[in-house]
Amino acid sequence: MTFNNWELAKPILDALEQQGYVSPTPIQQKAIPVILDNKDVLGCAQTGTGKTAAFVIPLLQKNLYQKNGCRYS
């Protein structure tokens, strides 16, 4: 699985690639699609496993769509 599986906006995918992130961590694999589906998530994972990115990546995606006048569903 890669971050491309979620059809994220190109600027997000480019930033992830620039930082060397290729594959999502287990917490990201579980949380990102749920958040993109406008559902709440409660996650628990060890420090350093990518919880912050699991929360922020889908929020950035939604923010980009709202700023560009697109409706994200």
PDB file of N, CA and C in Angstrom:
ATOM      1  N   MET A   1       0.841  -1.176   0.000  1.00  0.00           N
ATOM      2  CA  MET A   1       0.000   0.000   0.000  1.00  0.00           C
ATOM      3  C   MET A   1       0.890   1.244   0.000  1.00  0.00           C
ATOM      4  N   THR A   2       0.451   2.254  -0.744  1.00  0.00           N
ATOM      5  CA  THR A   2       1.154   3.540  -0.741  1.00  0.00           C
ATOM      6  C   THR A   2       0.139   4.655  -0.484  1.00  0.00           C
ATOM      7  N   PHE A   3       0.633   5.856  -0.325  1.00  0.00           N
ATOM      8  CA  PHE A   3      -0.261   7.001  -0.118  1.00  0.00           C
ATOM      9  C   PHE A   3      -1.097   7.291  -1.363  1.00  0.00           C
ATOM     10  N   ASN A   4      -0.670   6.798  -2.512  1.00  0.00           N
ATOM     11  CA  ASN A   4      -1.427   6.984  -3.758  1.00  0.00           C
ATOM     12  C   ASN A   4      -2.768   6.260  -3.737  1.00  0.00           C
ATOM     13  N   ASN A   5      -2.910   5.264  -2.884  1.00  0.00           N
ATOM     14  CA  ASN A   5      -4.156   4.497  -2.814  1.00  0.00           C
ATOM     15  C   ASN A   5      -5.366   5.364  -2.473  1.00  0.00           C
ATOM     16  N   TRP A   6      -5.151   6.500  -1.831  1.00  0.00           N
ATOM     17  CA  TRP A   6      -6.263   7.342  -1.371  1.00  0.00           C
ATOM     18  C   TRP A   6      -6.538   8.522  -2.292  1.00  0.00           C
ATOM     19  N   GLU A   7      -5.882   8.586  -3.431  1.00  0.00           N
ATOM     20  CA  GLU A   7      -6.090   9.675  -4.383  1.00  0.00           C
ATOM     21  C   GLU A   7      -5.964  11.046  -3.714  1.00  0.00           C
ATOM     22  N   LEU A   8      -4.903  11.200  -2.949  1.00  0.00           N
ATOM     23  CA  LEU A   8      -4.634  12.471  -2.289  1.00  0.00           C
ATOM     24  C   LEU A   8      -4.197  13.499  -3.325  1.00  0.00           C
ATOM     25  N   ALA A   9      -4.362  14.767  -2.982  1.00  0.00           N
ATOM     26  CA  ALA A   9      -3.969  15.855  -3.874  1.00  0.00           C
ATOM     27  C   ALA A   9      -2.467  15.801  -4.147  1.00  0.00           C
ATOM     28  N   LYS A  10      -2.093  16.208  -5.353  1.00  0.00           N
ATOM     29  CA  LYS A  10      -0.693  16.162  -5.767  1.00  0.00           C
ATOM     30  C   LYS A  10       0.250  16.899  -4.811  1.00  0.00           C
ATOM     31  N   PRO A  11      -0.110  18.097  -4.303  1.00  0.00           N
ATOM     32  CA  PRO A  11       0.810  18.758  -3.372  1.00  0.00           C
ATOM     33  C   PRO A  11       1.084  17.936  -2.110  1.00  0.00           C
ATOM     34  N   ILE A  12       0.092  17.208  -1.651  1.00  0.00           N
ATOM     35  CA  ILE A  12       0.288  16.369  -0.464  1.00  0.00           C
ATOM     36  C   ILE A  12       1.196  15.192  -0.804  1.00  0.00           C
ATOM     37  N   LEU A  13       0.911  14.538  -1.917  1.00  0.00           N
ATOM     38  CA  LEU A  13       1.751  13.411  -2.333  1.00  0.00           C
ATOM     39  C   LEU A  13       3.184  13.859  -2.585  1.00  0.00           C
ATOM     40  N   ASP A  14       3.361  15.030  -3.197  1.00  0.00           N
ATOM     41  CA  ASP A  14       4.711  15.559  -3.448  1.00  0.00           C
ATOM     42  C   ASP A  14       5.444  15.813  -2.135  1.00  0.00           C
ATOM     43  N   ALA A  15       4.752  16.396  -1.162  1.00  0.00           N
ATOM     44  CA  ALA A  15       5.377  16.688   0.139  1.00  0.00           C
ATOM     45  C   ALA A  15       5.762  15.399   0.860  1.00  0.00           C
ATOM     46  N   LEU A  16       4.888  14.412   0.810  1.00  0.00           N
ATOM     47  CA  LEU A  16       5.203  13.125   1.440  1.00  0.00           C
ATOM     48  C   LEU A  16       6.438  12.506   0.789  1.00  0.00           C
ATOM     49  N   GLU A  17       6.490  12.564  -0.538  1.00  0.00           N
ATOM     50  CA  GLU A  17       7.633  12.003  -1.258  1.00  0.00           C
ATOM     51  C   GLU A  17       8.919  12.756  -0.933  1.00  0.00           C
ATOM     52  N   GLN A  18       8.843  14.087  -0.871  1.00  0.00           N
ATOM     53  CA  GLN A  18      10.031  14.892  -0.551  1.00  0.00           C
ATOM     54  C   GLN A  18      10.579  14.547   0.833  1.00  0.00           C
ATOM     55  N   GLN A  19       9.683  14.192   1.740  1.00  0.00           N
ATOM     56  CA  GLN A  19      10.117  13.842   3.094  1.00  0.00           C
ATOM     57  C   GLN A  19      10.534  12.375   3.214  1.00  0.00           C
ATOM     58  N   GLY A  20      10.394  11.640   2.124  1.00  0.00           N
ATOM     59  CA  GLY A  20      10.837  10.255   2.121  1.00  0.00           C
ATOM     60  C   GLY A  20       9.800   9.253   2.593  1.00  0.00           C
ATOM     61  N   TYR A  21       8.549   9.686   2.703  1.00  0.00           N
ATOM     62  CA  TYR A  21       7.485   8.779   3.122  1.00  0.00           C
ATOM     63  C   TYR A  21       6.928   8.054   1.905  1.00  0.00           C
ATOM     64  N   VAL A  22       7.010   6.745   1.921  1.00  0.00           N
ATOM     65  CA  VAL A  22       6.556   5.945   0.790  1.00  0.00           C
ATOM     66  C   VAL A  22       5.293   5.170   1.136  1.00  0.00           C
ATOM     67  N   SER A  23       5.338   4.480   2.244  1.00  0.00           N
ATOM     68  CA  SER A  23       4.218   3.644   2.664  1.00  0.00           C
ATOM     69  C   SER A  23       3.650   4.140   3.992  1.00  0.00           C
ATOM     70  N   PRO A  24       2.333   4.157   4.115  1.00  0.00           N
ATOM     71  CA  PRO A  24       1.735   4.559   5.379  1.00  0.00           C
ATOM     72  C   PRO A  24       1.974   3.506   6.473  1.00  0.00           C
ATOM     73  N   THR A  25       2.070   3.983   7.687  1.00  0.00           N
ATOM     74  CA  THR A  25       2.223   3.081   8.829  1.00  0.00           C
ATOM     75  C   THR A  25       0.883   2.409   9.116  1.00  0.00           C
ATOM     76  N   PRO A  26       0.870   1.390   9.943  1.00  0.00           N
ATOM     77  CA  PRO A  26      -0.404   0.725  10.251  1.00  0.00           C
ATOM     78  C   PRO A  26      -1.491   1.665  10.782  1.00  0.00           C
ATOM     79  N   ILE A  27      -1.149   2.580  11.671  1.00  0.00           N
ATOM     80  CA  ILE A  27      -2.164   3.505  12.191  1.00  0.00           C
ATOM     81  C   ILE A  27      -2.676   4.413  11.072  1.00  0.00           C
ATOM     82  N   GLN A  28      -1.802   4.808  10.162  1.00  0.00           N
ATOM     83  CA  GLN A  28      -2.216   5.645   9.024  1.00  0.00           C
ATOM     84  C   GLN A  28      -3.102   4.856   8.062  1.00  0.00           C
ATOM     85  N   GLN A  29      -2.770   3.596   7.833  1.00  0.00           N
ATOM     86  CA  GLN A  29      -3.579   2.763   6.950  1.00  0.00           C
ATOM     87  C   GLN A  29      -5.012   2.615   7.471  1.00  0.00           C
ATOM     88  N   LYS A  30      -5.135   2.567   8.785  1.00  0.00           N
ATOM     89  CA  LYS A  30      -6.465   2.385   9.373  1.00  0.00           C
ATOM     90  C   LYS A  30      -7.216   3.699   9.519  1.00  0.00           C
ATOM     91  N   ALA A  31      -6.518   4.781   9.864  1.00  0.00           N
ATOM     92  CA  ALA A  31      -7.191   6.044  10.191  1.00  0.00           C
ATOM     93  C   ALA A  31      -7.495   6.920   8.976  1.00  0.00           C
ATOM     94  N   ILE A  32      -6.574   7.034   8.050  1.00  0.00           N
ATOM     95  CA  ILE A  32      -6.742   7.973   6.929  1.00  0.00           C
ATOM     96  C   ILE A  32      -8.013   7.711   6.128  1.00  0.00           C
ATOM     97  N   PRO A  33      -8.289   6.475   5.703  1.00  0.00           N
ATOM     98  CA  PRO A  33      -9.513   6.277   4.919  1.00  0.00           C
ATOM     99  C   PRO A  33     -10.788   6.577   5.710  1.00  0.00           C
ATOM    100  N   VAL A  34     -10.761   6.330   7.001  1.00  0.00           N
ATOM    101  CA  VAL A  34     -11.935   6.600   7.837  1.00  0.00           C
ATOM    102  C   VAL A  34     -12.171   8.102   7.946  1.00  0.00           C
ATOM    103  N   ILE A  35     -11.108   8.860   8.164  1.00  0.00           N
ATOM    104  CA  ILE A  35     -11.232  10.313   8.263  1.00  0.00           C
ATOM    105  C   ILE A  35     -11.641  10.903   6.916  1.00  0.00           C
ATOM    106  N   LEU A  36     -11.094  10.376   5.828  1.00  0.00           N
ATOM    107  CA  LEU A  36     -11.487  10.851   4.500  1.00  0.00           C
ATOM    108  C   LEU A  36     -12.961  10.576   4.221  1.00  0.00           C
ATOM    109  N   ASP A  37     -13.504   9.579   4.907  1.00  0.00           N
ATOM    110  CA  ASP A  37     -14.919   9.232   4.762  1.00  0.00           C
ATOM    111  C   ASP A  37     -15.789  10.021   5.753  1.00  0.00           C
ATOM    112  N   ASN A  38     -15.212  11.081   6.327  1.00  0.00           N
ATOM    113  CA  ASN A  38     -15.919  11.979   7.254  1.00  0.00           C
ATOM    114  C   ASN A  38     -16.436  11.280   8.505  1.00  0.00           C
ATOM    115  N   LYS A  39     -15.684  10.319   8.987  1.00  0.00           N
ATOM    116  CA  LYS A  39     -16.050   9.620  10.216  1.00  0.00           C
ATOM    117  C   LYS A  39     -15.029   9.929  11.298  1.00  0.00           C
ATOM    118  N   ASP A  40     -15.454   9.787  12.539  1.00  0.00           N
ATOM    119  CA  ASP A  40     -14.576  10.016  13.678  1.00  0.00           C
ATOM    120  C   ASP A  40     -13.647   8.828  13.880  1.00  0.00           C
ATOM    121  N   VAL A  41     -12.474   9.129  14.430  1.00  0.00           N
ATOM    122  CA  VAL A  41     -11.475   8.097  14.689  1.00  0.00           C
ATOM    123  C   VAL A  41     -10.917   8.285  16.092  1.00  0.00           C
ATOM    124  N   LEU A  42     -10.739   7.191  16.777  1.00  0.00           N
ATOM    125  CA  LEU A  42     -10.016   7.169  18.032  1.00  0.00           C
ATOM    126  C   LEU A  42      -8.923   6.133  17.844  1.00  0.00           C
ATOM    127  N   GLY A  43      -7.683   6.581  17.863  1.00  0.00           N
ATOM    128  CA  GLY A  43      -6.574   5.664  17.597  1.00  0.00           C
ATOM    129  C   GLY A  43      -5.580   5.638  18.736  1.00  0.00           C
ATOM    130  N   CYS A  44      -4.968   4.511  18.898  1.00  0.00           N
ATOM    131  CA  CYS A  44      -3.949   4.340  19.930  1.00  0.00           C
ATOM    132  C   CYS A  44      -2.774   3.609  19.291  1.00  0.00           C
ATOM    133  N   ALA A  45      -1.617   4.223  19.380  1.00  0.00           N
ATOM    134  CA  ALA A  45      -0.411   3.610  18.830  1.00  0.00           C
ATOM    135  C   ALA A  45       0.792   4.182  19.567  1.00  0.00           C
ATOM    136  N   GLN A  46       1.878   3.468  19.492  1.00  0.00           N
ATOM    137  CA  GLN A  46       3.102   3.849  20.166  1.00  0.00           C
ATOM    138  C   GLN A  46       3.641   5.165  19.598  1.00  0.00           C
ATOM    139  N   THR A  47       4.398   5.877  20.408  1.00  0.00           N
ATOM    140  CA  THR A  47       5.042   7.107  19.984  1.00  0.00           C
ATOM    141  C   THR A  47       5.926   6.833  18.769  1.00  0.00           C
ATOM    142  N   GLY A  48       5.849   7.752  17.782  1.00  0.00           N
ATOM    143  CA  GLY A  48       6.688   7.635  16.600  1.00  0.00           C
ATOM    144  C   GLY A  48       6.108   6.789  15.483  1.00  0.00           C
ATOM    145  N   THR A  49       4.829   6.420  15.599  1.00  0.00           N
ATOM    146  CA  THR A  49       4.224   5.550  14.588  1.00  0.00           C
ATOM    147  C   THR A  49       3.424   6.308  13.536  1.00  0.00           C
ATOM    148  N   GLY A  50       3.356   7.644  13.642  1.00  0.00           N
ATOM    149  CA  GLY A  50       2.684   8.427  12.607  1.00  0.00           C
ATOM    150  C   GLY A  50       1.252   8.821  12.914  1.00  0.00           C
ATOM    151  N   LYS A  51       0.895   8.879  14.186  1.00  0.00           N
ATOM    152  CA  LYS A  51      -0.473   9.266  14.549  1.00  0.00           C
ATOM    153  C   LYS A  51      -0.805  10.676  14.093  1.00  0.00           C
ATOM    154  N   THR A  52       0.108  11.598  14.251  1.00  0.00           N
ATOM    155  CA  THR A  52      -0.160  12.984  13.858  1.00  0.00           C
ATOM    156  C   THR A  52      -0.413  13.070  12.358  1.00  0.00           C
ATOM    157  N   ALA A  53       0.417  12.417  11.573  1.00  0.00           N
ATOM    158  CA  ALA A  53       0.214  12.424  10.117  1.00  0.00           C
ATOM    159  C   ALA A  53      -1.086  11.728   9.748  1.00  0.00           C
ATOM    160  N   ALA A  54      -1.456  10.700  10.488  1.00  0.00           N
ATOM    161  CA  ALA A  54      -2.716   9.995  10.215  1.00  0.00           C
ATOM    162  C   ALA A  54      -3.902  10.932  10.366  1.00  0.00           C
ATOM    163  N   PHE A  55      -3.779  11.903  11.230  1.00  0.00           N
ATOM    164  CA  PHE A  55      -4.838  12.878  11.469  1.00  0.00           C
ATOM    165  C   PHE A  55      -4.735  14.059  10.501  1.00  0.00           C
ATOM    166  N   VAL A  56      -3.519  14.534  10.275  1.00  0.00           N
ATOM    167  CA  VAL A  56      -3.309  15.766   9.504  1.00  0.00           C
ATOM    168  C   VAL A  56      -3.442  15.564   7.990  1.00  0.00           C
ATOM    169  N   ILE A  57      -2.964  14.454   7.466  1.00  0.00           N
ATOM    170  CA  ILE A  57      -3.012  14.242   6.009  1.00  0.00           C
ATOM    171  C   ILE A  57      -4.433  14.361   5.464  1.00  0.00           C
ATOM    172  N   PRO A  58      -5.418  13.667   6.041  1.00  0.00           N
ATOM    173  CA  PRO A  58      -6.774  13.828   5.501  1.00  0.00           C
ATOM    174  C   PRO A  58      -7.351  15.224   5.732  1.00  0.00           C
ATOM    175  N   LEU A  59      -6.949  15.894   6.820  1.00  0.00           N
ATOM    176  CA  LEU A  59      -7.422  17.263   7.052  1.00  0.00           C
ATOM    177  C   LEU A  59      -6.860  18.212   5.995  1.00  0.00           C
ATOM    178  N   LEU A  60      -5.606  18.040   5.632  1.00  0.00           N
ATOM    179  CA  LEU A  60      -5.026  18.850   4.560  1.00  0.00           C
ATOM    180  C   LEU A  60      -5.749  18.599   3.245  1.00  0.00           C
ATOM    181  N   GLN A  61      -6.064  17.340   2.981  1.00  0.00           N
ATOM    182  CA  GLN A  61      -6.793  16.986   1.763  1.00  0.00           C
ATOM    183  C   GLN A  61      -8.139  17.713   1.718  1.00  0.00           C
ATOM    184  N   LYS A  62      -8.869  17.659   2.811  1.00  0.00           N
ATOM    185  CA  LYS A  62     -10.181  18.315   2.861  1.00  0.00           C
ATOM    186  C   LYS A  62     -10.038  19.826   2.737  1.00  0.00           C
ATOM    187  N   ASN A  63      -9.021  20.390   3.377  1.00  0.00           N
ATOM    188  CA  ASN A  63      -8.793  21.826   3.329  1.00  0.00           C
ATOM    189  C   ASN A  63      -8.473  22.280   1.902  1.00  0.00           C
ATOM    190  N   LEU A  64      -7.669  21.511   1.190  1.00  0.00           N
ATOM    191  CA  LEU A  64      -7.339  21.860  -0.200  1.00  0.00           C
ATOM    192  C   LEU A  64      -8.591  21.880  -1.064  1.00  0.00           C
ATOM    193  N   TYR A  65      -9.472  20.915  -0.885  1.00  0.00           N
ATOM    194  CA  TYR A  65     -10.688  20.865  -1.679  1.00  0.00           C
ATOM    195  C   TYR A  65     -11.606  22.031  -1.341  1.00  0.00           C
ATOM    196  N   GLN A  66     -11.709  22.386  -0.072  1.00  0.00           N
ATOM    197  CA  GLN A  66     -12.572  23.499   0.326  1.00  0.00           C
ATOM    198  C   GLN A  66     -12.022  24.822  -0.186  1.00  0.00           C
ATOM    199  N   LYS A  67     -10.716  25.009  -0.144  1.00  0.00           N
ATOM    200  CA  LYS A  67     -10.105  26.250  -0.614  1.00  0.00           C
ATOM    201  C   LYS A  67     -10.295  26.426  -2.106  1.00  0.00           C
ATOM    202  N   ASN A  68     -10.312  25.352  -2.840  1.00  0.00           N
ATOM    203  CA  ASN A  68     -10.449  25.414  -4.294  1.00  0.00           C
ATOM    204  C   ASN A  68     -11.915  25.398  -4.728  1.00  0.00           C
ATOM    205  N   GLY A  69     -12.816  25.521  -3.779  1.00  0.00           N
ATOM    206  CA  GLY A  69     -14.233  25.577  -4.118  1.00  0.00           C
ATOM    207  C   GLY A  69     -14.847  24.243  -4.494  1.00  0.00           C
ATOM    208  N   CYS A  70     -14.118  23.182  -4.253  1.00  0.00           N
ATOM    209  CA  CYS A  70     -14.650  21.851  -4.554  1.00  0.00           C
ATOM    210  C   CYS A  70     -15.330  21.297  -3.310  1.00  0.00           C
ATOM    211  N   ARG A  71     -16.272  20.472  -3.532  1.00  0.00           N
ATOM    212  CA  ARG A  71     -16.928  19.822  -2.408  1.00  0.00           C
ATOM    213  C   ARG A  71     -16.290  18.459  -2.216  1.00  0.00           C
ATOM    214  N   TYR A  72     -15.868  18.212  -1.007  1.00  0.00           N
ATOM    215  CA  TYR A  72     -15.248  16.919  -0.684  1.00  0.00           C
ATOM    216  C   TYR A  72     -16.276  16.095   0.049  1.00  0.00           C
ATOM    217  N   SER A  73     -16.530  14.899  -0.447  1.00  0.00           N
ATOM    218  CA  SER A  73     -17.514  14.059   0.229  1.00  0.00           C
ATOM    219  C   SER A  73     -16.900  12.782   0.725  1.00  0.00           C
TER     220      SER A  73
END
